[in-house]
PDB file of N, CA and C in Angstrom:
ATOM      1  N   UNK A   1      58.341 -62.778 115.941  1.00  0.00           N
ATOM      2  CA  UNK A   1      57.626 -63.552 114.707  1.00  0.00           C
ATOM      3  C   UNK A   1      58.226 -62.969 113.272  1.00  0.00           C
ATOM      4  N   UNK A   2      58.420 -64.121 112.730  1.00  0.00           N
ATOM      5  CA  UNK A   2      59.232 -63.908 111.434  1.00  0.00           C
ATOM      6  C   UNK A   2      58.330 -63.111 110.607  1.00  0.00           C
ATOM      7  N   UNK A   3      59.090 -62.286 109.740  1.00  0.00           N
ATOM      8  CA  UNK A   3      58.538 -61.321 108.636  1.00  0.00           C
ATOM      9  C   UNK A   3      57.405 -61.803 108.102  1.00  0.00           C
ATOM     10  N   UNK A   4      57.790 -62.833 107.033  1.00  0.00           N
ATOM     11  CA  UNK A   4      56.725 -63.513 106.879  1.00  0.00           C
ATOM     12  C   UNK A   4      55.306 -64.009 107.179  1.00  0.00           C
ATOM     13  N   UNK A   5      55.470 -64.168 108.215  1.00  0.00           N
ATOM     14  CA  UNK A   5      54.360 -64.607 109.254  1.00  0.00           C
ATOM     15  C   UNK A   5      53.479 -63.782 109.676  1.00  0.00           C
ATOM     16  N   UNK A   6      54.332 -62.171 109.821  1.00  0.00           N
ATOM     17  CA  UNK A   6      53.463 -61.141 110.376  1.00  0.00           C
ATOM     18  C   UNK A   6      52.724 -60.632 109.207  1.00  0.00           C
ATOM     19  N   UNK A   7      53.084 -60.724 107.918  1.00  0.00           N
ATOM     20  CA  UNK A   7      52.383 -60.338 106.484  1.00  0.00           C
ATOM     21  C   UNK A   7      51.121 -61.328 106.509  1.00  0.00           C
ATOM     22  N   UNK A   8      51.649 -62.553 106.473  1.00  0.00           N
ATOM     23  CA  UNK A   8      50.390 -63.519 106.430  1.00  0.00           C
ATOM     24  C   UNK A   8      49.188 -63.119 107.049  1.00  0.00           C
ATOM     25  N   UNK A   9      49.698 -62.788 108.647  1.00  0.00           N
ATOM     26  CA  UNK A   9      48.542 -62.332 109.707  1.00  0.00           C
ATOM     27  C   UNK A   9      48.161 -61.191 109.536  1.00  0.00           C
ATOM     28  N   UNK A  10      48.668 -60.067 109.171  1.00  0.00           N
ATOM     29  CA  UNK A  10      47.848 -59.070 108.586  1.00  0.00           C
ATOM     30  C   UNK A  10      47.329 -59.387 107.452  1.00  0.00           C
ATOM     31  N   UNK A  11      47.273 -60.084 105.923  1.00  0.00           N
ATOM     32  CA  UNK A  11      46.672 -60.125 105.301  1.00  0.00           C
ATOM     33  C   UNK A  11      45.355 -60.680 105.611  1.00  0.00           C
ATOM     34  N   UNK A  12      45.495 -61.865 106.380  1.00  0.00           N
ATOM     35  CA  UNK A  12      44.532 -62.458 106.963  1.00  0.00           C
ATOM     36  C   UNK A  12      43.375 -61.481 107.667  1.00  0.00           C
ATOM     37  N   UNK A  13      44.096 -60.926 108.610  1.00  0.00           N
ATOM     38  CA  UNK A  13      43.014 -59.974 109.349  1.00  0.00           C
ATOM     39  C   UNK A  13      42.089 -58.965 108.236  1.00  0.00           C
ATOM     40  N   UNK A  14      43.031 -58.467 107.381  1.00  0.00           N
ATOM     41  CA  UNK A  14      42.622 -57.370 106.197  1.00  0.00           C
ATOM     42  C   UNK A  14      41.173 -57.987 105.652  1.00  0.00           C
ATOM     43  N   UNK A  15      41.286 -59.139 105.393  1.00  0.00           N
ATOM     44  CA  UNK A  15      40.096 -59.748 104.541  1.00  0.00           C
ATOM     45  C   UNK A  15      38.966 -59.986 105.320  1.00  0.00           C
ATOM     46  N   UNK A  16      38.632 -59.345 106.649  1.00  0.00           N
ATOM     47  CA  UNK A  16      37.740 -59.645 107.714  1.00  0.00           C
ATOM     48  C   UNK A  16      37.354 -58.178 107.587  1.00  0.00           C
ATOM     49  N   UNK A  17      35.609 -58.492 107.735  1.00  0.00           N
ATOM     50  CA  UNK A  17      34.817 -57.226 107.783  1.00  0.00           C
ATOM     51  C   UNK A  17      34.963 -56.242 109.137  1.00  0.00           C
ATOM     52  N   UNK A  18      35.217 -54.928 109.341  1.00  0.00           N
ATOM     53  CA  UNK A  18      35.767 -54.257 110.586  1.00  0.00           C
ATOM     54  C   UNK A  18      35.106 -54.527 111.646  1.00  0.00           C
ATOM     55  N   UNK A  19      33.812 -55.120 111.876  1.00  0.00           N
ATOM     56  CA  UNK A  19      33.378 -55.842 113.075  1.00  0.00           C
ATOM     57  C   UNK A  19      33.839 -57.080 113.284  1.00  0.00           C
ATOM     58  N   UNK A  20      34.151 -58.093 112.362  1.00  0.00           N
ATOM     59  CA  UNK A  20      34.847 -59.402 112.967  1.00  0.00           C
ATOM     60  C   UNK A  20      36.057 -58.897 113.348  1.00  0.00           C
ATOM     61  N   UNK A  21      36.894 -58.295 112.524  1.00  0.00           N
ATOM     62  CA  UNK A  21      38.054 -57.953 112.728  1.00  0.00           C
ATOM     63  C   UNK A  21      38.606 -57.536 114.130  1.00  0.00           C
ATOM     64  N   UNK A  22      37.477 -56.815 114.591  1.00  0.00           N
ATOM     65  CA  UNK A  22      37.566 -56.138 115.939  1.00  0.00           C
ATOM     66  C   UNK A  22      37.220 -57.093 117.060  1.00  0.00           C
ATOM     67  N   UNK A  23      36.579 -57.958 116.721  1.00  0.00           N
ATOM     68  CA  UNK A  23      36.217 -59.582 117.270  1.00  0.00           C
ATOM     69  C   UNK A  23      37.521 -59.981 117.653  1.00  0.00           C
ATOM     70  N   UNK A  24      38.089 -60.515 116.717  1.00  0.00           N
ATOM     71  CA  UNK A  24      39.215 -61.411 116.163  1.00  0.00           C
ATOM     72  C   UNK A  24      40.210 -60.679 117.341  1.00  0.00           C
ATOM     73  N   UNK A  25      40.635 -59.454 116.938  1.00  0.00           N
ATOM     74  CA  UNK A  25      41.895 -58.859 117.883  1.00  0.00           C
ATOM     75  C   UNK A  25      41.240 -58.775 119.240  1.00  0.00           C
ATOM     76  N   UNK A  26      40.334 -58.411 119.561  1.00  0.00           N
ATOM     77  CA  UNK A  26      40.246 -58.619 120.936  1.00  0.00           C
ATOM     78  C   UNK A  26      40.176 -60.070 121.534  1.00  0.00           C
ATOM     79  N   UNK A  27      40.126 -61.022 121.181  1.00  0.00           N
ATOM     80  CA  UNK A  27      40.384 -62.365 121.522  1.00  0.00           C
ATOM     81  C   UNK A  27      41.427 -62.585 121.263  1.00  0.00           C
ATOM     82  N   UNK A  28      42.218 -62.410 120.508  1.00  0.00           N
ATOM     83  CA  UNK A  28      43.709 -62.292 120.693  1.00  0.00           C
ATOM     84  C   UNK A  28      44.244 -61.874 121.704  1.00  0.00           C
ATOM     85  N   UNK A  29      43.876 -60.893 122.319  1.00  0.00           N
ATOM     86  CA  UNK A  29      44.353 -60.379 123.124  1.00  0.00           C
ATOM     87  C   UNK A  29      44.411 -61.034 124.551  1.00  0.00           C
ATOM     88  N   UNK A  30      43.295 -61.817 124.795  1.00  0.00           N
ATOM     89  CA  UNK A  30      43.091 -62.721 125.672  1.00  0.00           C
ATOM     90  C   UNK A  30      44.065 -63.839 125.508  1.00  0.00           C
ATOM     91  N   UNK A  31      43.592 -64.555 124.503  1.00  0.00           N
ATOM     92  CA  UNK A  31      44.600 -66.061 124.078  1.00  0.00           C
ATOM     93  C   UNK A  31      46.451 -65.073 124.440  1.00  0.00           C
ATOM     94  N   UNK A  32      46.692 -64.448 123.826  1.00  0.00           N
ATOM     95  CA  UNK A  32      48.251 -64.068 123.838  1.00  0.00           C
ATOM     96  C   UNK A  32      48.453 -63.476 125.216  1.00  0.00           C
ATOM     97  N   UNK A  33      47.736 -62.907 125.973  1.00  0.00           N
ATOM     98  CA  UNK A  33      47.953 -62.570 127.785  1.00  0.00           C
ATOM     99  C   UNK A  33      47.771 -63.929 128.349  1.00  0.00           C
ATOM    100  N   UNK A  34      47.559 -64.774 128.464  1.00  0.00           N
ATOM    101  CA  UNK A  34      47.449 -65.852 129.029  1.00  0.00           C
ATOM    102  C   UNK A  34      48.577 -66.326 128.882  1.00  0.00           C
ATOM    103  N   UNK A  35      49.713 -66.118 128.372  1.00  0.00           N
ATOM    104  CA  UNK A  35      50.996 -67.295 128.543  1.00  0.00           C
ATOM    105  C   UNK A  35      51.614 -66.073 127.505  1.00  0.00           C
ATOM    106  N   UNK A  36      53.126 -65.276 127.874  1.00  0.00           N
ATOM    107  CA  UNK A  36      54.271 -64.456 127.171  1.00  0.00           C
ATOM    108  C   UNK A  36      54.439 -65.363 125.970  1.00  0.00           C
ATOM    109  N   UNK A  37      54.601 -66.703 125.894  1.00  0.00           N
ATOM    110  CA  UNK A  37      55.150 -67.515 125.163  1.00  0.00           C
ATOM    111  C   UNK A  37      54.196 -68.210 123.761  1.00  0.00           C
ATOM    112  N   UNK A  38      52.972 -67.405 123.794  1.00  0.00           N
ATOM    113  CA  UNK A  38      52.049 -67.750 122.720  1.00  0.00           C
ATOM    114  C   UNK A  38      52.608 -67.098 121.504  1.00  0.00           C
ATOM    115  N   UNK A  39      52.617 -67.944 120.277  1.00  0.00           N
ATOM    116  CA  UNK A  39      52.763 -67.010 119.153  1.00  0.00           C
ATOM    117  C   UNK A  39      51.488 -67.374 118.122  1.00  0.00           C
ATOM    118  N   UNK A  40      51.415 -66.652 117.046  1.00  0.00           N
ATOM    119  CA  UNK A  40      50.138 -66.730 116.195  1.00  0.00           C
ATOM    120  C   UNK A  40      51.005 -67.031 114.688  1.00  0.00           C
ATOM    121  N   UNK A  41      50.142 -67.514 114.053  1.00  0.00           N
ATOM    122  CA  UNK A  41      50.769 -67.914 112.169  1.00  0.00           C
ATOM    123  C   UNK A  41      49.069 -68.025 111.561  1.00  0.00           C
ATOM    124  N   UNK A  42      49.028 -67.635 110.652  1.00  0.00           N
ATOM    125  CA  UNK A  42      47.943 -68.303 109.621  1.00  0.00           C
ATOM    126  C   UNK A  42      48.128 -69.512 109.326  1.00  0.00           C
ATOM    127  N   UNK A  43      47.939 -70.799 109.880  1.00  0.00           N
ATOM    128  CA  UNK A  43      48.083 -72.057 109.426  1.00  0.00           C
ATOM    129  C   UNK A  43      46.402 -72.337 109.128  1.00  0.00           C
ATOM    130  N   UNK A  44      46.421 -73.543 108.132  1.00  0.00           N
ATOM    131  CA  UNK A  44      45.507 -74.247 107.749  1.00  0.00           C
ATOM    132  C   UNK A  44      43.935 -73.202 107.604  1.00  0.00           C
ATOM    133  N   UNK A  45      44.310 -71.878 107.090  1.00  0.00           N
ATOM    134  CA  UNK A  45      43.409 -71.109 106.935  1.00  0.00           C
ATOM    135  C   UNK A  45      42.564 -70.455 107.628  1.00  0.00           C
ATOM    136  N   UNK A  46      43.435 -70.495 109.090  1.00  0.00           N
ATOM    137  CA  UNK A  46      43.267 -69.941 110.617  1.00  0.00           C
ATOM    138  C   UNK A  46      44.030 -68.929 110.825  1.00  0.00           C
ATOM    139  N   UNK A  47      43.670 -68.448 111.705  1.00  0.00           N
ATOM    140  CA  UNK A  47      44.577 -67.646 112.742  1.00  0.00           C
ATOM    141  C   UNK A  47      45.013 -68.315 114.093  1.00  0.00           C
ATOM    142  N   UNK A  48      46.168 -69.154 113.979  1.00  0.00           N
ATOM    143  CA  UNK A  48      46.723 -70.214 114.764  1.00  0.00           C
ATOM    144  C   UNK A  48      47.371 -69.875 115.738  1.00  0.00           C
ATOM    145  N   UNK A  49      47.487 -70.491 117.261  1.00  0.00           N
ATOM    146  CA  UNK A  49      47.966 -70.094 118.424  1.00  0.00           C
ATOM    147  C   UNK A  49      48.740 -71.423 118.602  1.00  0.00           C
ATOM    148  N   UNK A  50      50.173 -70.881 118.908  1.00  0.00           N
ATOM    149  CA  UNK A  50      50.871 -72.036 119.209  1.00  0.00           C
ATOM    150  C   UNK A  50      51.692 -71.861 120.495  1.00  0.00           C
ATOM    151  N   UNK A  51      52.248 -72.888 121.214  1.00  0.00           N
ATOM    152  CA  UNK A  51      53.493 -72.480 122.338  1.00  0.00           C
ATOM    153  C   UNK A  51      54.662 -72.382 121.448  1.00  0.00           C
ATOM    154  N   UNK A  52      55.501 -71.456 121.382  1.00  0.00           N
ATOM    155  CA  UNK A  52      56.635 -71.443 120.808  1.00  0.00           C
ATOM    156  C   UNK A  52      57.080 -71.900 119.610  1.00  0.00           C
ATOM    157  N   UNK A  53      56.136 -71.841 118.733  1.00  0.00           N
ATOM    158  CA  UNK A  53      56.220 -72.117 117.534  1.00  0.00           C
ATOM    159  C   UNK A  53      56.006 -73.663 117.163  1.00  0.00           C
ATOM    160  N   UNK A  54      55.075 -74.045 118.311  1.00  0.00           N
ATOM    161  CA  UNK A  54      55.051 -75.591 117.825  1.00  0.00           C
ATOM    162  C   UNK A  54      54.074 -76.371 117.319  1.00  0.00           C
ATOM    163  N   UNK A  55      53.797 -75.842 115.889  1.00  0.00           N
ATOM    164  CA  UNK A  55      52.479 -75.875 115.242  1.00  0.00           C
ATOM    165  C   UNK A  55      52.005 -77.201 114.999  1.00  0.00           C
ATOM    166  N   UNK A  56      52.739 -77.919 115.179  1.00  0.00           N
ATOM    167  CA  UNK A  56      52.338 -79.836 115.427  1.00  0.00           C
ATOM    168  C   UNK A  56      51.496 -79.886 116.194  1.00  0.00           C
ATOM    169  N   UNK A  57      51.614 -79.395 117.595  1.00  0.00           N
ATOM    170  CA  UNK A  57      50.774 -78.999 118.898  1.00  0.00           C
ATOM    171  C   UNK A  57      50.026 -77.506 118.714  1.00  0.00           C
ATOM    172  N   UNK A  58      49.125 -77.128 117.979  1.00  0.00           N
ATOM    173  CA  UNK A  58      49.088 -76.179 118.248  1.00  0.00           C
ATOM    174  C   UNK A  58      48.003 -76.069 119.144  1.00  0.00           C
ATOM    175  N   UNK A  59      47.665 -74.721 119.659  1.00  0.00           N
ATOM    176  CA  UNK A  59      46.708 -74.805 120.902  1.00  0.00           C
ATOM    177  C   UNK A  59      45.272 -74.452 120.642  1.00  0.00           C
ATOM    178  N   UNK A  60      44.714 -73.149 119.839  1.00  0.00           N
ATOM    179  CA  UNK A  60      44.263 -72.974 119.752  1.00  0.00           C
ATOM    180  C   UNK A  60      43.749 -72.038 118.233  1.00  0.00           C
ATOM    181  N   UNK A  61      42.857 -71.354 117.379  1.00  0.00           N
ATOM    182  CA  UNK A  61      42.767 -71.040 116.632  1.00  0.00           C
ATOM    183  C   UNK A  61      41.051 -70.522 116.074  1.00  0.00           C
ATOM    184  N   UNK A  62      41.289 -69.443 115.624  1.00  0.00           N
ATOM    185  CA  UNK A  62      40.462 -68.373 115.057  1.00  0.00           C
ATOM    186  C   UNK A  62      39.763 -68.820 113.994  1.00  0.00           C
ATOM    187  N   UNK A  63      38.707 -69.090 113.738  1.00  0.00           N
ATOM    188  CA  UNK A  63      38.441 -70.041 112.172  1.00  0.00           C
ATOM    189  C   UNK A  63      36.860 -68.875 112.035  1.00  0.00           C
ATOM    190  N   UNK A  64      36.879 -68.071 110.669  1.00  0.00           N
ATOM    191  CA  UNK A  64      35.935 -67.432 110.346  1.00  0.00           C
ATOM    192  C   UNK A  64      35.616 -68.148 109.361  1.00  0.00           C
ATOM    193  N   UNK A  65      34.040 -68.135 109.316  1.00  0.00           N
ATOM    194  CA  UNK A  65      33.338 -68.372 107.780  1.00  0.00           C
ATOM    195  C   UNK A  65      31.999 -67.254 107.582  1.00  0.00           C
ATOM    196  N   UNK A  66      31.137 -67.681 106.718  1.00  0.00           N
ATOM    197  CA  UNK A  66      30.542 -66.816 106.412  1.00  0.00           C
ATOM    198  C   UNK A  66      29.380 -66.912 107.669  1.00  0.00           C
ATOM    199  N   UNK A  67      28.923 -68.023 107.971  1.00  0.00           N
ATOM    200  CA  UNK A  67      28.079 -68.350 108.947  1.00  0.00           C
ATOM    201  C   UNK A  67      28.274 -68.226 110.010  1.00  0.00           C
ATOM    202  N   UNK A  68      29.739 -68.338 110.536  1.00  0.00           N
ATOM    203  CA  UNK A  68      30.338 -68.471 112.028  1.00  0.00           C
ATOM    204  C   UNK A  68      31.680 -68.116 112.376  1.00  0.00           C
ATOM    205  N   UNK A  69      32.039 -67.390 113.711  1.00  0.00           N
ATOM    206  CA  UNK A  69      33.107 -67.212 113.956  1.00  0.00           C
ATOM    207  C   UNK A  69      33.692 -67.617 115.375  1.00  0.00           C
ATOM    208  N   UNK A  70      34.609 -68.891 115.526  1.00  0.00           N
ATOM    209  CA  UNK A  70      34.708 -69.493 116.326  1.00  0.00           C
ATOM    210  C   UNK A  70      36.160 -69.547 116.861  1.00  0.00           C
ATOM    211  N   UNK A  71      36.439 -69.410 118.274  1.00  0.00           N
ATOM    212  CA  UNK A  71      37.615 -70.083 118.730  1.00  0.00           C
ATOM    213  C   UNK A  71      37.790 -71.620 119.005  1.00  0.00           C
ATOM    214  N   UNK A  72      38.505 -72.120 118.283  1.00  0.00           N
ATOM    215  CA  UNK A  72      38.671 -73.478 118.491  1.00  0.00           C
ATOM    216  C   UNK A  72      40.009 -73.849 118.784  1.00  0.00           C
ATOM    217  N   UNK A  73      39.636 -75.317 119.888  1.00  0.00           N
ATOM    218  CA  UNK A  73      40.982 -75.611 120.707  1.00  0.00           C
ATOM    219  C   UNK A  73      41.173 -77.105 120.246  1.00  0.00           C
ATOM    220  N   UNK A  74      42.629 -77.168 119.762  1.00  0.00           N
ATOM    221  CA  UNK A  74      43.160 -78.411 119.141  1.00  0.00           C
ATOM    222  C   UNK A  74      42.675 -79.811 119.908  1.00  0.00           C
ATOM    223  N   UNK A  75      43.035 -79.573 121.349  1.00  0.00           N
ATOM    224  CA  UNK A  75      42.829 -80.649 121.813  1.00  0.00           C
ATOM    225  C   UNK A  75      41.997 -80.326 123.117  1.00  0.00           C
ATOM    226  N   UNK A  76      40.688 -79.552 122.470  1.00  0.00           N
ATOM    227  CA  UNK A  76      39.685 -79.003 123.734  1.00  0.00           C
ATOM    228  C   UNK A  76      39.425 -79.912 124.462  1.00  0.00           C
ATOM    229  N   UNK A  77      39.054 -81.419 124.301  1.00  0.00           N
ATOM    230  CA  UNK A  77      38.323 -82.381 124.904  1.00  0.00           C
ATOM    231  C   UNK A  77      39.154 -82.929 125.851  1.00  0.00           C
ATOM    232  N   UNK A  78      40.825 -82.390 126.070  1.00  0.00           N
ATOM    233  CA  UNK A  78      41.346 -82.375 127.359  1.00  0.00           C
ATOM    234  C   UNK A  78      41.622 -81.693 128.383  1.00  0.00           C
ATOM    235  N   UNK A  79      40.930 -80.755 127.847  1.00  0.00           N
ATOM    236  CA  UNK A  79      41.215 -79.292 128.808  1.00  0.00           C
ATOM    237  C   UNK A  79      40.242 -79.387 130.070  1.00  0.00           C
ATOM    238  N   UNK A  80      40.458 -78.501 131.123  1.00  0.00           N
ATOM    239  CA  UNK A  80      39.916 -78.397 132.180  1.00  0.00           C
ATOM    240  C   UNK A  80      39.082 -77.460 131.745  1.00  0.00           C
ATOM    241  N   UNK A  81      37.541 -77.463 131.684  1.00  0.00           N
ATOM    242  CA  UNK A  81      36.855 -76.229 130.886  1.00  0.00           C
ATOM    243  C   UNK A  81      35.832 -76.025 132.505  1.00  0.00           C
ATOM    244  N   UNK A  82      36.130 -75.559 133.451  1.00  0.00           N
ATOM    245  CA  UNK A  82      35.793 -75.166 134.585  1.00  0.00           C
ATOM    246  C   UNK A  82      34.285 -74.277 134.427  1.00  0.00           C
ATOM    247  N   UNK A  83      34.573 -73.538 133.508  1.00  0.00           N
ATOM    248  CA  UNK A  83      33.620 -72.569 133.128  1.00  0.00           C
ATOM    249  C   UNK A  83      32.333 -73.020 132.432  1.00  0.00           C
ATOM    250  N   UNK A  84      32.932 -74.308 131.737  1.00  0.00           N
ATOM    251  CA  UNK A  84      31.702 -74.993 130.858  1.00  0.00           C
ATOM    252  C   UNK A  84      31.363 -74.116 129.377  1.00  0.00           C
ATOM    253  N   UNK A  85      32.505 -73.698 128.595  1.00  0.00           N
ATOM    254  CA  UNK A  85      32.352 -73.070 127.550  1.00  0.00           C
ATOM    255  C   UNK A  85      32.655 -73.643 126.410  1.00  0.00           C
ATOM    256  N   UNK A  86      33.317 -74.916 125.982  1.00  0.00           N
ATOM    257  CA  UNK A  86      33.490 -75.655 125.293  1.00  0.00           C
ATOM    258  C   UNK A  86      32.442 -76.490 124.628  1.00  0.00           C
ATOM    259  N   UNK A  87      32.224 -76.158 123.462  1.00  0.00           N
ATOM    260  CA  UNK A  87      31.361 -77.241 122.648  1.00  0.00           C
ATOM    261  C   UNK A  87      31.914 -78.455 121.816  1.00  0.00           C
ATOM    262  N   UNK A  88      31.090 -79.349 121.573  1.00  0.00           N
ATOM    263  CA  UNK A  88      31.489 -80.147 120.367  1.00  0.00           C
ATOM    264  C   UNK A  88      31.847 -81.460 120.722  1.00  0.00           C
ATOM    265  N   UNK A  89      31.789 -82.736 120.021  1.00  0.00           N
ATOM    266  CA  UNK A  89      31.735 -83.850 120.162  1.00  0.00           C
ATOM    267  C   UNK A  89      32.767 -84.502 119.789  1.00  0.00           C
ATOM    268  N   UNK A  90      33.556 -84.122 118.655  1.00  0.00           N
ATOM    269  CA  UNK A  90      34.525 -84.773 117.982  1.00  0.00           C
ATOM    270  C   UNK A  90      35.869 -85.164 119.042  1.00  0.00           C
ATOM    271  N   UNK A  91      36.732 -86.394 118.514  1.00  0.00           N
ATOM    272  CA  UNK A  91      37.483 -86.992 119.638  1.00  0.00           C
ATOM    273  C   UNK A  91      38.589 -86.074 120.241  1.00  0.00           C
ATOM    274  N   UNK A  92      38.907 -84.947 119.563  1.00  0.00           N
ATOM    275  CA  UNK A  92      39.877 -83.928 120.082  1.00  0.00           C
ATOM    276  C   UNK A  92      39.085 -82.562 120.247  1.00  0.00           C
ATOM    277  N   UNK A  93      38.753 -81.713 119.319  1.00  0.00           N
ATOM    278  CA  UNK A  93      38.322 -80.402 119.181  1.00  0.00           C
ATOM    279  C   UNK A  93      37.209 -79.870 119.770  1.00  0.00           C
ATOM    280  N   UNK A  94      37.457 -79.053 120.384  1.00  0.00           N
ATOM    281  CA  UNK A  94      36.159 -78.139 121.061  1.00  0.00           C
ATOM    282  C   UNK A  94      36.432 -76.795 120.467  1.00  0.00           C
ATOM    283  N   UNK A  95      34.676 -76.000 120.520  1.00  0.00           N
ATOM    284  CA  UNK A  95      35.221 -74.462 120.156  1.00  0.00           C
ATOM    285  C   UNK A  95      34.176 -73.964 121.299  1.00  0.00           C
ATOM    286  N   UNK A  96      34.271 -72.426 120.976  1.00  0.00           N
ATOM    287  CA  UNK A  96      33.603 -71.688 121.539  1.00  0.00           C
ATOM    288  C   UNK A  96      33.294 -70.525 120.402  1.00  0.00           C
ATOM    289  N   UNK A  97      31.944 -70.066 120.405  1.00  0.00           N
ATOM    290  CA  UNK A  97      31.763 -68.838 119.550  1.00  0.00           C
ATOM    291  C   UNK A  97      32.259 -67.550 120.096  1.00  0.00           C
ATOM    292  N   UNK A  98      32.689 -66.888 118.820  1.00  0.00           N
ATOM    293  CA  UNK A  98      33.742 -66.086 119.269  1.00  0.00           C
ATOM    294  C   UNK A  98      33.326 -64.996 120.200  1.00  0.00           C
ATOM    295  N   UNK A  99      31.872 -64.388 119.841  1.00  0.00           N
ATOM    296  CA  UNK A  99      31.143 -63.525 120.483  1.00  0.00           C
ATOM    297  C   UNK A  99      31.119 -63.992 122.277  1.00  0.00           C
ATOM    298  N   UNK A 100      30.838 -65.478 122.615  1.00  0.00           N
ATOM    299  CA  UNK A 100      31.284 -66.011 123.905  1.00  0.00           C
ATOM    300  C   UNK A 100      32.123 -65.940 124.298  1.00  0.00           C
ATOM    301  N   UNK A 101      33.228 -65.978 123.517  1.00  0.00           N
ATOM    302  CA  UNK A 101      34.746 -66.066 124.209  1.00  0.00           C
ATOM    303  C   UNK A 101      35.109 -64.598 124.589  1.00  0.00           C
ATOM    304  N   UNK A 102      34.462 -63.658 123.824  1.00  0.00           N
ATOM    305  CA  UNK A 102      34.739 -62.263 124.627  1.00  0.00           C
ATOM    306  C   UNK A 102      33.869 -62.099 125.867  1.00  0.00           C
ATOM    307  N   UNK A 103      32.827 -62.608 126.225  1.00  0.00           N
ATOM    308  CA  UNK A 103      32.259 -62.390 127.294  1.00  0.00           C
ATOM    309  C   UNK A 103      33.062 -63.160 128.180  1.00  0.00           C
ATOM    310  N   UNK A 104      33.459 -64.378 127.967  1.00  0.00           N
ATOM    311  CA  UNK A 104      34.111 -65.026 128.827  1.00  0.00           C
ATOM    312  C   UNK A 104      35.554 -65.024 128.878  1.00  0.00           C
ATOM    313  N   UNK A 105      35.668 -64.184 129.101  1.00  0.00           N
ATOM    314  CA  UNK A 105      37.838 -64.026 128.738  1.00  0.00           C
ATOM    315  C   UNK A 105      38.407 -64.517 129.851  1.00  0.00           C
ATOM    316  N   UNK A 106      38.276 -64.282 131.054  1.00  0.00           N
ATOM    317  CA  UNK A 106      38.648 -65.306 132.105  1.00  0.00           C
ATOM    318  C   UNK A 106      38.950 -66.492 131.933  1.00  0.00           C
ATOM    319  N   UNK A 107      37.435 -66.861 131.477  1.00  0.00           N
ATOM    320  CA  UNK A 107      37.475 -68.641 131.135  1.00  0.00           C
ATOM    321  C   UNK A 107      38.471 -68.882 130.085  1.00  0.00           C
ATOM    322  N   UNK A 108      38.273 -68.320 129.004  1.00  0.00           N
ATOM    323  CA  UNK A 108      39.195 -68.463 127.600  1.00  0.00           C
ATOM    324  C   UNK A 108      40.626 -68.490 128.096  1.00  0.00           C
ATOM    325  N   UNK A 109      40.988 -67.627 129.327  1.00  0.00           N
ATOM    326  CA  UNK A 109      42.550 -67.678 129.715  1.00  0.00           C
ATOM    327  C   UNK A 109      42.932 -68.933 130.509  1.00  0.00           C
ATOM    328  N   UNK A 110      42.126 -69.459 130.849  1.00  0.00           N
ATOM    329  CA  UNK A 110      42.229 -70.248 132.054  1.00  0.00           C
ATOM    330  C   UNK A 110      41.914 -71.471 130.767  1.00  0.00           C
ATOM    331  N   UNK A 111      41.197 -71.535 129.462  1.00  0.00           N
ATOM    332  CA  UNK A 111      41.349 -72.835 128.747  1.00  0.00           C
ATOM    333  C   UNK A 111      42.836 -72.969 127.746  1.00  0.00           C
ATOM    334  N   UNK A 112      43.347 -71.701 127.604  1.00  0.00           N
ATOM    335  CA  UNK A 112      44.749 -71.393 127.105  1.00  0.00           C
ATOM    336  C   UNK A 112      45.643 -71.929 127.913  1.00  0.00           C
ATOM    337  N   UNK A 113      45.769 -71.637 129.224  1.00  0.00           N
ATOM    338  CA  UNK A 113      46.815 -72.393 129.564  1.00  0.00           C
ATOM    339  C   UNK A 113      46.573 -73.759 129.802  1.00  0.00           C
ATOM    340  N   UNK A 114      45.210 -74.380 130.163  1.00  0.00           N
ATOM    341  CA  UNK A 114      45.088 -75.922 130.227  1.00  0.00           C
ATOM    342  C   UNK A 114      45.529 -76.392 128.616  1.00  0.00           C
ATOM    343  N   UNK A 115      45.457 -75.455 127.920  1.00  0.00           N
ATOM    344  CA  UNK A 115      46.063 -76.243 126.442  1.00  0.00           C
ATOM    345  C   UNK A 115      47.523 -76.189 126.517  1.00  0.00           C
ATOM    346  N   UNK A 116      48.080 -75.200 127.018  1.00  0.00           N
ATOM    347  CA  UNK A 116      49.471 -75.278 127.120  1.00  0.00           C
ATOM    348  C   UNK A 116      49.852 -76.713 127.822  1.00  0.00           C
ATOM    349  N   UNK A 117      48.931 -76.450 129.117  1.00  0.00           N
ATOM    350  CA  UNK A 117      49.360 -77.864 129.897  1.00  0.00           C
ATOM    351  C   UNK A 117      49.225 -79.164 129.282  1.00  0.00           C
ATOM    352  N   UNK A 118      48.482 -79.493 128.182  1.00  0.00           N
ATOM    353  CA  UNK A 118      48.188 -80.685 127.491  1.00  0.00           C
ATOM    354  C   UNK A 118      48.466 -80.476 126.373  1.00  0.00           C
ATOM    355  N   UNK A 119      49.452 -79.562 125.842  1.00  0.00           N
ATOM    356  CA  UNK A 119      49.853 -79.437 124.718  1.00  0.00           C
ATOM    357  C   UNK A 119      50.353 -80.780 123.683  1.00  0.00           C
ATOM    358  N   UNK A 120      51.127 -81.807 124.326  1.00  0.00           N
ATOM    359  CA  UNK A 120      51.583 -82.891 123.747  1.00  0.00           C
ATOM    360  C   UNK A 120      50.684 -84.093 124.275  1.00  0.00           C
ATOM    361  N   UNK A 121      49.743 -84.118 125.072  1.00  0.00           N
ATOM    362  CA  UNK A 121      48.991 -85.194 125.574  1.00  0.00           C
ATOM    363  C   UNK A 121      47.974 -85.718 124.384  1.00  0.00           C
ATOM    364  N   UNK A 122      48.140 -87.045 124.682  1.00  0.00           N
ATOM    365  CA  UNK A 122      47.111 -87.482 123.811  1.00  0.00           C
ATOM    366  C   UNK A 122      45.757 -88.600 124.398  1.00  0.00           C
ATOM    367  N   UNK A 123      44.763 -88.705 123.653  1.00  0.00           N
ATOM    368  CA  UNK A 123      43.718 -89.663 124.603  1.00  0.00           C
ATOM    369  C   UNK A 123      44.395 -90.964 124.405  1.00  0.00           C
ATOM    370  N   UNK A 124      44.001 -91.708 125.228  1.00  0.00           N
ATOM    371  CA  UNK A 124      44.268 -93.150 125.483  1.00  0.00           C
ATOM    372  C   UNK A 124      43.448 -94.242 124.411  1.00  0.00           C
TER     373      UNK A 124
END
């Protein structure tokens, strides 16, 4: 990871309260363990993951606000969600509450691998 991206990630994480940061770091372990090519950077105000720096086709992101903490899948509508974890009804985006993502680590890893397979796919 380029130094400027590493600094931006650390600054983003430093803004989180300790329990939230712990949750985010635990989810990150699941996401990055799914495939060694997964990279992270702060994009669009979120801790975002892509495959080999392809930020146009990002895989997923951690979104944190005062009211919620979610793992958001860019093309969630296209993913094989065998565990039934994804929620949402947007054209593409689906999400999982961060706490649920932690409880369902294997299912999240499967979703990350599915996101990689569908990285550049589009709906008809």
